[in-house]
């Protein structure tokens, strides 16, 4: 596929998402300028521009581009400098964030996925994404505090370590498990505690403990 066609397909994807869920200019541009195809396994490239989640191996999925756009929008990214992502997966969400945030920190517990994502970032020249193979629930204290924290996997609770690593008035967006359902929830840090707002139902793979080689 020619580069021009790829650019057009990603721009069209951004417009299709915008028709379903109104995007800010910054998020629409981030989707339009991030090559979705580069993050999709070769066998699924023909589905790269559909609004579907796709398997990427290791029982993990690349989220639907619509979900990625929504999660980015729910972060209220305008004016924020740094974001920590819990669960890098294919790297697509981090790549979209890198178009908006000056610094993106992304943690992945499954080492082969992290190695592949790092290669994609390097090939695409995304030099502002910093990666680490670790249990994301521990955060990344070295670069804290973060203006925003994004969970790309569902959680039963927000670990205290991550609350501690969030800037005052910072925002966490996470799919939270509750009564057998998952709800995308936005938390705003007020003092030492979080104020929660449920946004919409969702379906993500769960956060797991430890590191998988």
N, C-alpha and C. Protein backbone atom coordinates (compact mmCIF):
# COMPACT_ATOMS: atom_id res chain seq x y z
N UNK A 1 0.85 -1.20 0.00
CA UNK A 1 0.00 0.00 0.00
C UNK A 1 0.88 1.25 0.00
N UNK A 2 0.55 2.20 -0.86
CA UNK A 2 1.35 3.42 -0.92
C UNK A 2 1.16 4.23 0.35
N UNK A 3 2.14 5.06 0.64
CA UNK A 3 2.05 5.89 1.84
C UNK A 3 0.86 6.83 1.77
N UNK A 4 0.56 7.33 0.57
CA UNK A 4 -0.56 8.26 0.40
C UNK A 4 -1.88 7.58 0.75
N UNK A 5 -2.02 6.32 0.32
CA UNK A 5 -3.25 5.58 0.63
C UNK A 5 -3.38 5.34 2.14
N UNK A 6 -2.25 5.04 2.78
CA UNK A 6 -2.25 4.82 4.23
C UNK A 6 -2.69 6.08 4.95
N UNK A 7 -2.15 7.21 4.54
CA UNK A 7 -2.51 8.51 5.15
C UNK A 7 -4.01 8.75 4.99
N UNK A 8 -4.52 8.47 3.79
CA UNK A 8 -5.95 8.69 3.52
C UNK A 8 -6.82 7.77 4.38
N UNK A 9 -6.39 6.51 4.53
CA UNK A 9 -7.19 5.55 5.31
C UNK A 9 -7.25 5.95 6.78
N UNK A 10 -6.14 6.43 7.33
CA UNK A 10 -6.13 6.85 8.74
C UNK A 10 -6.95 8.13 8.93
N UNK A 11 -6.89 9.03 7.95
CA UNK A 11 -7.70 10.25 8.02
C UNK A 11 -9.19 9.90 7.96
N UNK A 12 -9.53 8.94 7.11
CA UNK A 12 -10.93 8.51 6.99
C UNK A 12 -11.40 7.83 8.27
N UNK A 13 -10.50 7.06 8.89
CA UNK A 13 -10.82 6.42 10.17
C UNK A 13 -11.17 7.47 11.22
N UNK A 14 -10.38 8.53 11.28
CA UNK A 14 -10.64 9.61 12.25
C UNK A 14 -12.01 10.24 12.01
N UNK A 15 -12.37 10.42 10.74
CA UNK A 15 -13.66 11.03 10.42
C UNK A 15 -14.81 10.08 10.77
N UNK A 16 -14.60 8.78 10.56
CA UNK A 16 -15.64 7.79 10.89
C UNK A 16 -15.88 7.76 12.40
N UNK A 17 -14.79 7.82 13.17
CA UNK A 17 -14.93 7.86 14.63
C UNK A 17 -15.63 9.14 15.06
N UNK A 18 -15.24 10.25 14.47
CA UNK A 18 -15.81 11.54 14.82
C UNK A 18 -17.31 11.59 14.55
N UNK A 19 -17.77 10.85 13.55
CA UNK A 19 -19.20 10.80 13.22
C UNK A 19 -19.98 10.05 14.31
N UNK A 20 -19.31 9.12 15.01
CA UNK A 20 -19.95 8.34 16.06
C UNK A 20 -19.78 8.96 17.45
N UNK A 21 -18.65 9.65 17.64
CA UNK A 21 -18.32 10.21 18.95
C UNK A 21 -17.51 11.48 18.69
N UNK A 22 -18.10 12.62 18.98
CA UNK A 22 -17.49 13.90 18.62
C UNK A 22 -16.12 14.07 19.28
N UNK A 23 -15.10 14.28 18.46
CA UNK A 23 -13.73 14.39 18.95
C UNK A 23 -13.26 15.83 18.97
N UNK A 24 -12.37 16.14 19.91
CA UNK A 24 -11.68 17.42 19.89
C UNK A 24 -10.72 17.42 18.71
N UNK A 25 -10.29 18.59 18.28
CA UNK A 25 -9.36 18.68 17.15
C UNK A 25 -8.08 17.91 17.42
N UNK A 26 -7.59 17.98 18.66
CA UNK A 26 -6.32 17.34 19.01
C UNK A 26 -6.41 15.82 18.89
N UNK A 27 -7.51 15.25 19.38
CA UNK A 27 -7.66 13.79 19.34
C UNK A 27 -7.96 13.33 17.92
N UNK A 28 -8.75 14.08 17.19
CA UNK A 28 -9.03 13.69 15.80
C UNK A 28 -7.75 13.69 14.98
N UNK A 29 -6.92 14.69 15.19
CA UNK A 29 -5.65 14.77 14.46
C UNK A 29 -4.71 13.62 14.88
N UNK A 30 -4.72 13.29 16.17
CA UNK A 30 -3.86 12.20 16.67
C UNK A 30 -4.25 10.87 16.03
N UNK A 31 -5.55 10.60 15.90
CA UNK A 31 -6.02 9.37 15.25
C UNK A 31 -5.64 9.40 13.76
N UNK A 32 -5.85 10.53 13.13
CA UNK A 32 -5.60 10.65 11.69
C UNK A 32 -4.13 10.49 11.34
N UNK A 33 -3.24 10.85 12.25
CA UNK A 33 -1.80 10.82 11.95
C UNK A 33 -1.07 9.63 12.56
N UNK A 34 -1.82 8.70 13.17
CA UNK A 34 -1.22 7.48 13.72
C UNK A 34 -1.60 6.30 12.83
N UNK A 35 -0.62 5.64 12.27
CA UNK A 35 -0.89 4.55 11.32
C UNK A 35 -1.39 3.30 12.03
N UNK A 36 -2.70 3.15 12.07
CA UNK A 36 -3.34 2.01 12.75
C UNK A 36 -2.77 0.67 12.26
N UNK A 37 -2.55 0.59 10.97
CA UNK A 37 -2.10 -0.66 10.35
C UNK A 37 -0.78 -1.18 10.93
N UNK A 38 0.08 -0.26 11.34
CA UNK A 38 1.40 -0.63 11.85
C UNK A 38 1.31 -1.40 13.17
N UNK A 39 0.16 -1.33 13.83
CA UNK A 39 -0.01 -1.95 15.15
C UNK A 39 -0.84 -3.23 15.11
N UNK A 40 -1.30 -3.59 13.93
CA UNK A 40 -2.17 -4.75 13.76
C UNK A 40 -1.36 -5.92 13.20
N UNK A 41 -1.48 -7.14 13.77
CA UNK A 41 -0.75 -8.29 13.23
C UNK A 41 -1.05 -8.50 11.75
N UNK A 42 -0.05 -8.99 11.01
CA UNK A 42 -0.15 -9.11 9.54
C UNK A 42 -1.43 -9.80 9.09
N UNK A 43 -1.85 -10.85 9.80
CA UNK A 43 -3.03 -11.60 9.40
C UNK A 43 -4.34 -10.84 9.52
N UNK A 44 -4.31 -9.71 10.21
CA UNK A 44 -5.54 -8.93 10.42
C UNK A 44 -5.46 -7.54 9.76
N UNK A 45 -4.45 -7.33 8.92
CA UNK A 45 -4.28 -5.99 8.32
C UNK A 45 -5.51 -5.55 7.53
N UNK A 46 -6.20 -6.53 6.91
CA UNK A 46 -7.38 -6.18 6.11
C UNK A 46 -8.51 -5.64 6.98
N UNK A 47 -8.40 -5.86 8.31
CA UNK A 47 -9.42 -5.33 9.24
C UNK A 47 -8.91 -4.12 10.03
N UNK A 48 -7.73 -3.63 9.69
CA UNK A 48 -7.09 -2.60 10.50
C UNK A 48 -7.95 -1.35 10.69
N UNK A 49 -8.73 -1.01 9.67
CA UNK A 49 -9.47 0.25 9.73
C UNK A 49 -10.94 0.08 10.09
N UNK A 50 -11.30 -1.13 10.54
CA UNK A 50 -12.65 -1.34 11.06
C UNK A 50 -12.69 -0.91 12.53
N UNK A 51 -13.87 -0.57 13.00
CA UNK A 51 -14.01 -0.13 14.39
C UNK A 51 -14.18 -1.33 15.32
N UNK A 52 -13.24 -2.27 15.19
CA UNK A 52 -13.29 -3.50 15.98
C UNK A 52 -12.00 -3.69 16.76
N UNK A 53 -12.09 -4.38 17.91
CA UNK A 53 -10.90 -4.84 18.61
C UNK A 53 -10.37 -6.06 17.85
N UNK A 54 -9.04 -6.25 17.85
CA UNK A 54 -8.43 -7.36 17.12
C UNK A 54 -7.42 -8.07 18.01
N UNK A 55 -7.31 -9.40 17.88
CA UNK A 55 -6.33 -10.14 18.70
C UNK A 55 -4.90 -9.82 18.28
N UNK A 56 -3.99 -9.75 19.27
CA UNK A 56 -2.58 -9.46 18.97
C UNK A 56 -1.65 -10.51 19.54
N UNK A 57 -2.21 -11.62 20.05
CA UNK A 57 -1.37 -12.66 20.65
C UNK A 57 -1.33 -12.51 22.17
N UNK A 58 -0.83 -13.57 22.84
CA UNK A 58 -0.71 -13.61 24.30
C UNK A 58 -2.05 -13.33 25.00
N UNK A 59 -3.15 -13.73 24.33
CA UNK A 59 -4.50 -13.52 24.86
C UNK A 59 -4.82 -12.04 25.09
N UNK A 60 -4.19 -11.18 24.30
CA UNK A 60 -4.41 -9.74 24.40
C UNK A 60 -5.05 -9.22 23.11
N UNK A 61 -5.56 -8.01 23.19
CA UNK A 61 -6.26 -7.41 22.04
C UNK A 61 -5.78 -5.98 21.82
N UNK A 62 -5.83 -5.54 20.57
CA UNK A 62 -5.67 -4.11 20.28
C UNK A 62 -7.10 -3.54 20.30
N UNK A 63 -7.30 -2.54 21.13
CA UNK A 63 -8.64 -1.97 21.29
C UNK A 63 -9.16 -1.41 19.97
N UNK A 64 -10.47 -1.36 19.86
CA UNK A 64 -11.10 -0.68 18.74
C UNK A 64 -10.57 0.76 18.67
N UNK A 65 -10.34 1.29 17.46
CA UNK A 65 -9.89 2.69 17.37
C UNK A 65 -10.90 3.67 17.96
N UNK A 66 -12.18 3.29 17.95
CA UNK A 66 -13.21 4.12 18.58
C UNK A 66 -12.97 4.18 20.09
N UNK A 67 -12.68 3.03 20.70
CA UNK A 67 -12.40 2.99 22.14
C UNK A 67 -11.15 3.78 22.48
N UNK A 68 -10.11 3.65 21.66
CA UNK A 68 -8.85 4.39 21.89
C UNK A 68 -9.13 5.89 21.85
N UNK A 69 -9.92 6.33 20.88
CA UNK A 69 -10.25 7.75 20.77
C UNK A 69 -11.03 8.22 21.99
N UNK A 70 -12.00 7.41 22.43
CA UNK A 70 -12.80 7.78 23.60
C UNK A 70 -11.94 7.88 24.85
N UNK A 71 -11.10 6.86 25.07
CA UNK A 71 -10.25 6.86 26.28
C UNK A 71 -9.33 8.09 26.30
N UNK A 72 -8.82 8.43 25.13
CA UNK A 72 -7.95 9.61 25.02
C UNK A 72 -8.73 10.88 25.35
N UNK A 73 -9.93 10.98 24.81
CA UNK A 73 -10.78 12.16 25.03
C UNK A 73 -11.17 12.27 26.51
N UNK A 74 -11.48 11.12 27.14
CA UNK A 74 -11.91 11.12 28.54
C UNK A 74 -10.80 11.56 29.50
N UNK A 75 -9.55 11.52 29.02
CA UNK A 75 -8.43 11.97 29.86
C UNK A 75 -8.40 13.50 30.02
N UNK A 76 -9.20 14.22 29.22
CA UNK A 76 -9.08 15.68 29.16
C UNK A 76 -7.59 16.04 28.94
N UNK A 77 -7.02 15.65 27.81
CA UNK A 77 -5.56 15.79 27.63
C UNK A 77 -5.06 17.22 27.46
N UNK A 78 -5.95 18.15 27.09
CA UNK A 78 -5.52 19.51 26.83
C UNK A 78 -4.79 20.11 28.03
N UNK A 79 -3.59 20.59 27.79
CA UNK A 79 -2.82 21.27 28.83
C UNK A 79 -2.02 20.34 29.71
N UNK A 80 -2.19 19.03 29.54
CA UNK A 80 -1.44 18.06 30.35
C UNK A 80 -0.11 17.76 29.65
N UNK A 81 0.92 17.50 30.44
CA UNK A 81 2.28 17.30 29.91
C UNK A 81 2.65 15.82 29.83
N UNK A 82 2.35 15.06 30.88
CA UNK A 82 2.81 13.66 30.95
C UNK A 82 1.65 12.72 31.24
N UNK A 83 1.74 11.51 30.65
CA UNK A 83 0.72 10.49 30.87
C UNK A 83 1.40 9.14 31.07
N UNK A 84 0.88 8.39 32.04
CA UNK A 84 1.35 7.03 32.30
C UNK A 84 0.26 6.07 31.84
N UNK A 85 0.64 5.12 30.97
CA UNK A 85 -0.31 4.11 30.50
C UNK A 85 -0.01 2.77 31.15
N UNK A 86 -1.03 2.13 31.70
CA UNK A 86 -0.91 0.81 32.31
C UNK A 86 -1.43 -0.21 31.30
N UNK A 87 -0.52 -0.94 30.65
CA UNK A 87 -0.91 -1.92 29.64
C UNK A 87 -0.68 -1.43 28.24
N UNK A 88 0.55 -1.55 27.75
CA UNK A 88 0.91 -1.01 26.43
C UNK A 88 0.30 -1.82 25.29
N UNK A 89 0.26 -3.15 25.45
CA UNK A 89 -0.30 -3.99 24.40
C UNK A 89 0.43 -3.81 23.08
N UNK A 90 -0.31 -3.52 22.01
CA UNK A 90 0.30 -3.33 20.69
C UNK A 90 1.07 -2.02 20.59
N UNK A 91 0.72 -1.07 21.47
CA UNK A 91 1.34 0.25 21.43
C UNK A 91 0.50 1.32 20.74
N UNK A 92 -0.65 0.93 20.19
CA UNK A 92 -1.46 1.89 19.43
C UNK A 92 -1.97 3.03 20.30
N UNK A 93 -2.49 2.70 21.48
CA UNK A 93 -2.98 3.76 22.38
C UNK A 93 -1.85 4.71 22.75
N UNK A 94 -0.68 4.18 23.08
CA UNK A 94 0.47 5.03 23.44
C UNK A 94 0.88 5.92 22.27
N UNK A 95 0.82 5.37 21.06
CA UNK A 95 1.18 6.16 19.87
C UNK A 95 0.23 7.33 19.67
N UNK A 96 -1.08 7.08 19.88
CA UNK A 96 -2.06 8.16 19.78
C UNK A 96 -1.79 9.22 20.86
N UNK A 97 -1.53 8.76 22.08
CA UNK A 97 -1.23 9.70 23.18
C UNK A 97 0.01 10.54 22.87
N UNK A 98 0.99 9.93 22.19
CA UNK A 98 2.25 10.62 21.92
C UNK A 98 2.08 11.80 20.98
N UNK A 99 0.96 11.85 20.26
CA UNK A 99 0.68 12.99 19.36
C UNK A 99 0.14 14.19 20.14
N UNK A 100 -0.27 13.94 21.40
CA UNK A 100 -0.93 14.99 22.19
C UNK A 100 -0.09 15.39 23.41
N UNK A 101 0.48 14.39 24.08
CA UNK A 101 1.28 14.64 25.29
C UNK A 101 2.75 14.77 24.93
N UNK A 102 3.45 15.62 25.66
CA UNK A 102 4.89 15.77 25.43
C UNK A 102 5.64 14.51 25.84
N UNK A 103 5.19 13.87 26.92
CA UNK A 103 5.87 12.65 27.40
C UNK A 103 4.85 11.56 27.70
N UNK A 104 5.10 10.38 27.13
CA UNK A 104 4.23 9.22 27.37
C UNK A 104 5.09 8.12 27.99
N UNK A 105 4.59 7.56 29.09
CA UNK A 105 5.27 6.45 29.77
C UNK A 105 4.31 5.26 29.73
N UNK A 106 4.76 4.15 29.17
CA UNK A 106 3.87 3.02 28.98
C UNK A 106 4.49 1.75 29.55
N UNK A 107 3.73 1.05 30.38
CA UNK A 107 4.21 -0.16 31.05
C UNK A 107 3.42 -1.36 30.51
N UNK A 108 4.15 -2.44 30.22
CA UNK A 108 3.52 -3.68 29.76
C UNK A 108 4.13 -4.84 30.53
N UNK A 109 3.27 -5.73 31.03
CA UNK A 109 3.75 -6.86 31.84
C UNK A 109 4.18 -8.06 30.99
N UNK A 110 3.76 -8.11 29.71
CA UNK A 110 4.09 -9.25 28.84
C UNK A 110 5.27 -8.85 27.96
N UNK A 111 6.42 -9.41 28.25
CA UNK A 111 7.67 -8.96 27.62
C UNK A 111 7.65 -9.02 26.09
N UNK A 112 7.19 -10.13 25.45
CA UNK A 112 7.19 -10.15 23.98
C UNK A 112 6.36 -9.02 23.35
N UNK A 113 5.23 -8.67 23.98
CA UNK A 113 4.41 -7.55 23.48
C UNK A 113 5.17 -6.24 23.59
N UNK A 114 5.89 -6.06 24.69
CA UNK A 114 6.65 -4.83 24.89
C UNK A 114 7.77 -4.69 23.86
N UNK A 115 8.43 -5.80 23.58
CA UNK A 115 9.52 -5.78 22.58
C UNK A 115 8.97 -5.38 21.21
N UNK A 116 7.82 -5.95 20.84
CA UNK A 116 7.20 -5.61 19.54
C UNK A 116 6.76 -4.15 19.50
N UNK A 117 6.15 -3.68 20.59
CA UNK A 117 5.68 -2.29 20.63
C UNK A 117 6.85 -1.31 20.51
N UNK A 118 7.94 -1.60 21.21
CA UNK A 118 9.12 -0.73 21.15
C UNK A 118 9.66 -0.63 19.73
N UNK A 119 9.65 -1.76 19.02
CA UNK A 119 10.12 -1.78 17.63
C UNK A 119 9.22 -0.91 16.76
N UNK A 120 7.91 -0.99 16.98
CA UNK A 120 6.97 -0.15 16.21
C UNK A 120 7.23 1.33 16.49
N UNK A 121 7.42 1.68 17.75
CA UNK A 121 7.67 3.09 18.10
C UNK A 121 8.93 3.59 17.40
N UNK A 122 9.96 2.74 17.41
CA UNK A 122 11.23 3.13 16.79
C UNK A 122 11.06 3.32 15.28
N UNK A 123 10.36 2.36 14.64
CA UNK A 123 10.15 2.44 13.19
C UNK A 123 9.33 3.66 12.79
N UNK A 124 8.42 4.08 13.68
CA UNK A 124 7.56 5.24 13.39
C UNK A 124 8.16 6.56 13.89
N UNK A 125 9.34 6.48 14.50
CA UNK A 125 10.02 7.69 14.98
C UNK A 125 9.33 8.36 16.15
N UNK A 126 8.67 7.57 16.99
CA UNK A 126 7.95 8.13 18.14
C UNK A 126 8.90 8.16 19.35
N UNK A 127 9.71 9.18 19.41
CA UNK A 127 10.78 9.25 20.40
C UNK A 127 10.36 9.73 21.78
N UNK A 128 9.08 10.13 21.93
CA UNK A 128 8.64 10.65 23.24
C UNK A 128 7.86 9.61 24.04
N UNK A 129 7.92 8.34 23.61
CA UNK A 129 7.28 7.25 24.36
C UNK A 129 8.37 6.48 25.10
N UNK A 130 8.23 6.41 26.42
CA UNK A 130 9.20 5.69 27.26
C UNK A 130 8.53 4.41 27.75
N UNK A 131 9.21 3.28 27.62
CA UNK A 131 8.57 1.99 27.89
C UNK A 131 9.29 1.21 28.99
N UNK A 132 8.52 0.32 29.60
CA UNK A 132 9.07 -0.51 30.67
C UNK A 132 8.27 -1.81 30.77
N UNK A 133 8.98 -2.93 30.92
CA UNK A 133 8.33 -4.21 31.18
C UNK A 133 8.25 -4.39 32.69
N UNK A 134 7.02 -4.37 33.22
CA UNK A 134 6.84 -4.44 34.67
C UNK A 134 5.36 -4.64 34.96
N UNK A 135 5.04 -4.83 36.22
CA UNK A 135 3.66 -4.87 36.68
C UNK A 135 3.19 -3.41 36.78
N UNK A 136 2.29 -3.03 35.90
CA UNK A 136 1.86 -1.63 35.83
C UNK A 136 1.20 -1.10 37.08
N UNK A 137 0.70 -2.00 37.92
CA UNK A 137 0.03 -1.57 39.15
C UNK A 137 1.00 -0.90 40.13
N UNK A 138 2.30 -1.10 39.88
CA UNK A 138 3.32 -0.46 40.72
C UNK A 138 3.62 0.96 40.27
N UNK A 139 3.17 1.30 39.05
CA UNK A 139 3.48 2.60 38.49
C UNK A 139 4.94 2.68 38.06
N UNK A 140 5.42 3.92 37.95
CA UNK A 140 6.81 4.17 37.51
C UNK A 140 7.28 5.39 38.28
N UNK A 141 7.71 5.16 39.50
CA UNK A 141 7.99 6.23 40.46
C UNK A 141 9.06 7.21 39.96
N UNK A 142 9.98 6.70 39.15
CA UNK A 142 11.11 7.51 38.68
C UNK A 142 10.68 8.80 37.98
N UNK A 143 9.57 8.74 37.23
CA UNK A 143 9.15 9.91 36.44
C UNK A 143 7.90 10.58 37.00
N UNK A 144 7.42 10.12 38.14
CA UNK A 144 6.24 10.72 38.77
C UNK A 144 6.57 12.13 39.28
N UNK A 145 5.56 12.99 39.45
CA UNK A 145 4.14 12.71 39.26
C UNK A 145 3.69 12.85 37.80
N UNK A 146 2.58 12.18 37.47
CA UNK A 146 2.00 12.22 36.13
C UNK A 146 0.72 13.06 36.15
N UNK A 147 0.50 13.82 35.07
CA UNK A 147 -0.72 14.61 34.97
C UNK A 147 -1.94 13.72 34.72
N UNK A 148 -1.70 12.63 33.97
CA UNK A 148 -2.78 11.72 33.62
C UNK A 148 -2.26 10.27 33.74
N UNK A 149 -3.16 9.36 34.12
CA UNK A 149 -2.86 7.93 34.12
C UNK A 149 -4.01 7.22 33.40
N UNK A 150 -3.66 6.35 32.46
CA UNK A 150 -4.67 5.63 31.68
C UNK A 150 -4.49 4.13 31.83
N UNK A 151 -5.55 3.44 32.22
CA UNK A 151 -5.53 1.98 32.26
C UNK A 151 -6.04 1.45 30.92
N UNK A 152 -5.24 0.62 30.27
CA UNK A 152 -5.70 -0.05 29.05
C UNK A 152 -6.10 -1.49 29.35
N UNK A 153 -6.43 -1.75 30.60
CA UNK A 153 -6.94 -3.05 31.06
C UNK A 153 -7.86 -2.77 32.24
N UNK A 154 -8.79 -3.68 32.49
CA UNK A 154 -9.78 -3.43 33.54
C UNK A 154 -9.22 -3.74 34.92
N UNK A 155 -9.68 -2.98 35.91
CA UNK A 155 -9.18 -3.11 37.28
C UNK A 155 -10.33 -3.20 38.27
N UNK A 156 -10.07 -3.81 39.42
CA UNK A 156 -11.08 -3.86 40.48
C UNK A 156 -10.94 -2.67 41.42
N UNK A 157 -9.75 -2.05 41.43
CA UNK A 157 -9.50 -0.89 42.28
C UNK A 157 -8.29 -0.14 41.71
N UNK A 158 -8.10 1.09 42.15
CA UNK A 158 -6.93 1.88 41.76
C UNK A 158 -5.89 1.73 42.87
N UNK A 159 -4.72 1.14 42.59
CA UNK A 159 -3.71 0.96 43.63
C UNK A 159 -3.25 2.29 44.22
N UNK A 160 -3.00 2.30 45.51
CA UNK A 160 -2.56 3.51 46.20
C UNK A 160 -1.28 4.06 45.59
N UNK A 161 -0.38 3.17 45.14
CA UNK A 161 0.88 3.64 44.54
C UNK A 161 0.64 4.53 43.34
N UNK A 162 -0.40 4.22 42.56
CA UNK A 162 -0.71 5.04 41.39
C UNK A 162 -1.36 6.36 41.79
N UNK A 163 -2.19 6.33 42.82
CA UNK A 163 -2.78 7.58 43.33
C UNK A 163 -1.66 8.51 43.81
N UNK A 164 -0.68 7.93 44.48
CA UNK A 164 0.46 8.71 45.00
C UNK A 164 1.28 9.31 43.86
N UNK A 165 1.29 8.63 42.70
CA UNK A 165 2.11 9.09 41.57
C UNK A 165 1.35 10.03 40.63
N UNK A 166 0.11 10.35 40.99
CA UNK A 166 -0.71 11.27 40.19
C UNK A 166 -0.56 12.70 40.72
N UNK A 167 -0.44 13.63 39.80
CA UNK A 167 -0.33 15.04 40.19
C UNK A 167 -1.59 15.52 40.91
N UNK A 168 -1.49 16.56 41.75
CA UNK A 168 -2.69 17.16 42.33
C UNK A 168 -3.65 17.59 41.22
N UNK A 169 -4.93 17.26 41.38
CA UNK A 169 -5.96 17.53 40.37
C UNK A 169 -5.73 16.75 39.08
N UNK A 170 -4.86 15.74 39.13
CA UNK A 170 -4.62 14.88 37.98
C UNK A 170 -5.81 13.95 37.74
N UNK A 171 -5.81 13.29 36.58
CA UNK A 171 -6.94 12.45 36.17
C UNK A 171 -6.48 11.04 35.85
N UNK A 172 -7.24 10.07 36.33
CA UNK A 172 -7.07 8.66 35.96
C UNK A 172 -8.32 8.22 35.20
N UNK A 173 -8.12 7.57 34.06
CA UNK A 173 -9.24 6.95 33.34
C UNK A 173 -8.98 5.46 33.31
N UNK A 174 -9.96 4.68 33.79
CA UNK A 174 -9.77 3.24 33.90
C UNK A 174 -11.08 2.49 33.71
N UNK A 175 -11.06 1.34 33.03
CA UNK A 175 -12.23 0.45 32.99
C UNK A 175 -12.31 -0.28 34.34
N UNK A 176 -13.34 -0.01 35.10
CA UNK A 176 -13.46 -0.59 36.44
C UNK A 176 -14.48 -1.73 36.44
N UNK A 177 -14.10 -2.83 37.09
CA UNK A 177 -14.99 -3.98 37.22
C UNK A 177 -15.94 -3.77 38.41
N UNK A 178 -17.23 -3.94 38.12
CA UNK A 178 -18.21 -3.66 39.16
C UNK A 178 -19.48 -4.47 38.89
N UNK A 179 -19.84 -5.35 39.83
CA UNK A 179 -21.06 -6.16 39.71
C UNK A 179 -21.14 -6.93 38.39
N UNK A 180 -20.00 -7.51 37.99
CA UNK A 180 -19.98 -8.32 36.77
C UNK A 180 -19.96 -7.53 35.48
N UNK A 181 -19.83 -6.22 35.58
CA UNK A 181 -19.76 -5.35 34.40
C UNK A 181 -18.48 -4.52 34.47
N UNK A 182 -18.15 -3.89 33.36
CA UNK A 182 -17.02 -2.96 33.34
C UNK A 182 -17.54 -1.58 32.96
N UNK A 183 -17.06 -0.57 33.68
CA UNK A 183 -17.46 0.81 33.39
C UNK A 183 -16.20 1.66 33.24
N UNK A 184 -16.09 2.36 32.11
CA UNK A 184 -15.02 3.34 32.00
C UNK A 184 -15.31 4.43 33.02
N UNK A 185 -14.34 4.67 33.89
CA UNK A 185 -14.53 5.59 35.01
C UNK A 185 -13.40 6.61 35.01
N UNK A 186 -13.79 7.87 35.23
CA UNK A 186 -12.79 8.95 35.32
C UNK A 186 -12.67 9.37 36.78
N UNK A 187 -11.44 9.38 37.26
CA UNK A 187 -11.15 9.79 38.63
C UNK A 187 -10.36 11.09 38.61
N UNK A 188 -10.75 12.03 39.45
CA UNK A 188 -9.99 13.28 39.60
C UNK A 188 -9.44 13.32 41.02
N UNK A 189 -8.15 13.60 41.12
CA UNK A 189 -7.50 13.63 42.44
C UNK A 189 -7.80 14.94 43.14
N UNK A 190 -8.45 14.83 44.26
CA UNK A 190 -8.77 15.99 45.09
C UNK A 190 -8.15 15.75 46.46
N UNK A 191 -7.13 16.50 46.79
CA UNK A 191 -6.39 16.23 48.01
C UNK A 191 -5.70 14.89 47.88
N UNK A 192 -5.94 13.99 48.84
CA UNK A 192 -5.31 12.66 48.80
C UNK A 192 -6.25 11.60 48.26
N UNK A 193 -7.49 12.00 47.91
CA UNK A 193 -8.48 11.00 47.48
C UNK A 193 -8.92 11.23 46.03
N UNK A 194 -9.70 10.28 45.51
CA UNK A 194 -10.18 10.35 44.13
C UNK A 194 -11.69 10.54 44.10
N UNK A 195 -12.15 11.43 43.23
CA UNK A 195 -13.58 11.58 42.96
C UNK A 195 -13.89 10.85 41.66
N UNK A 196 -14.87 9.94 41.68
CA UNK A 196 -15.14 9.07 40.53
C UNK A 196 -16.38 9.51 39.76
N UNK A 197 -16.30 9.33 38.43
CA UNK A 197 -17.44 9.60 37.54
C UNK A 197 -17.50 8.46 36.53
N UNK A 198 -18.61 7.71 36.53
CA UNK A 198 -18.77 6.62 35.57
C UNK A 198 -19.22 7.18 34.22
N UNK A 199 -18.57 6.70 33.14
CA UNK A 199 -18.81 7.27 31.81
C UNK A 199 -19.60 6.35 30.90
N UNK A 200 -19.13 5.12 30.72
CA UNK A 200 -19.87 4.19 29.86
C UNK A 200 -19.39 2.77 30.07
N UNK A 201 -20.26 1.81 29.69
CA UNK A 201 -19.90 0.39 29.81
C UNK A 201 -18.86 0.04 28.76
N UNK A 202 -18.02 -0.96 29.06
CA UNK A 202 -16.92 -1.31 28.16
C UNK A 202 -16.54 -2.77 28.34
N UNK A 203 -15.54 -3.20 27.59
CA UNK A 203 -15.03 -4.56 27.73
C UNK A 203 -13.53 -4.56 27.44
N UNK A 204 -12.74 -4.79 28.48
CA UNK A 204 -11.28 -4.84 28.38
C UNK A 204 -10.78 -6.14 29.01
N UNK A 205 -9.57 -6.57 28.63
CA UNK A 205 -8.94 -7.69 29.34
C UNK A 205 -8.53 -7.17 30.72
N UNK A 206 -8.47 -8.05 31.73
CA UNK A 206 -8.17 -7.59 33.09
C UNK A 206 -6.68 -7.30 33.34
N UNK A 207 -6.44 -6.38 34.26
CA UNK A 207 -5.09 -6.19 34.79
C UNK A 207 -4.68 -7.46 35.53
N UNK A 208 -3.45 -7.91 35.30
CA UNK A 208 -2.95 -9.10 36.00
C UNK A 208 -1.68 -8.76 36.76
N UNK A 209 -1.37 -9.56 37.79
CA UNK A 209 -0.19 -9.32 38.61
C UNK A 209 1.08 -9.88 37.96
N UNK A 210 2.21 -9.26 38.29
CA UNK A 210 3.50 -9.81 37.90
C UNK A 210 3.87 -9.57 36.44
N UNK A 211 5.00 -10.17 36.04
CA UNK A 211 5.55 -10.00 34.70
C UNK A 211 5.55 -11.36 34.00
N UNK A 212 5.23 -11.36 32.72
CA UNK A 212 5.22 -12.59 31.92
C UNK A 212 6.32 -12.51 30.87
N UNK A 213 7.28 -13.42 30.93
CA UNK A 213 8.41 -13.40 29.98
C UNK A 213 8.02 -14.04 28.65
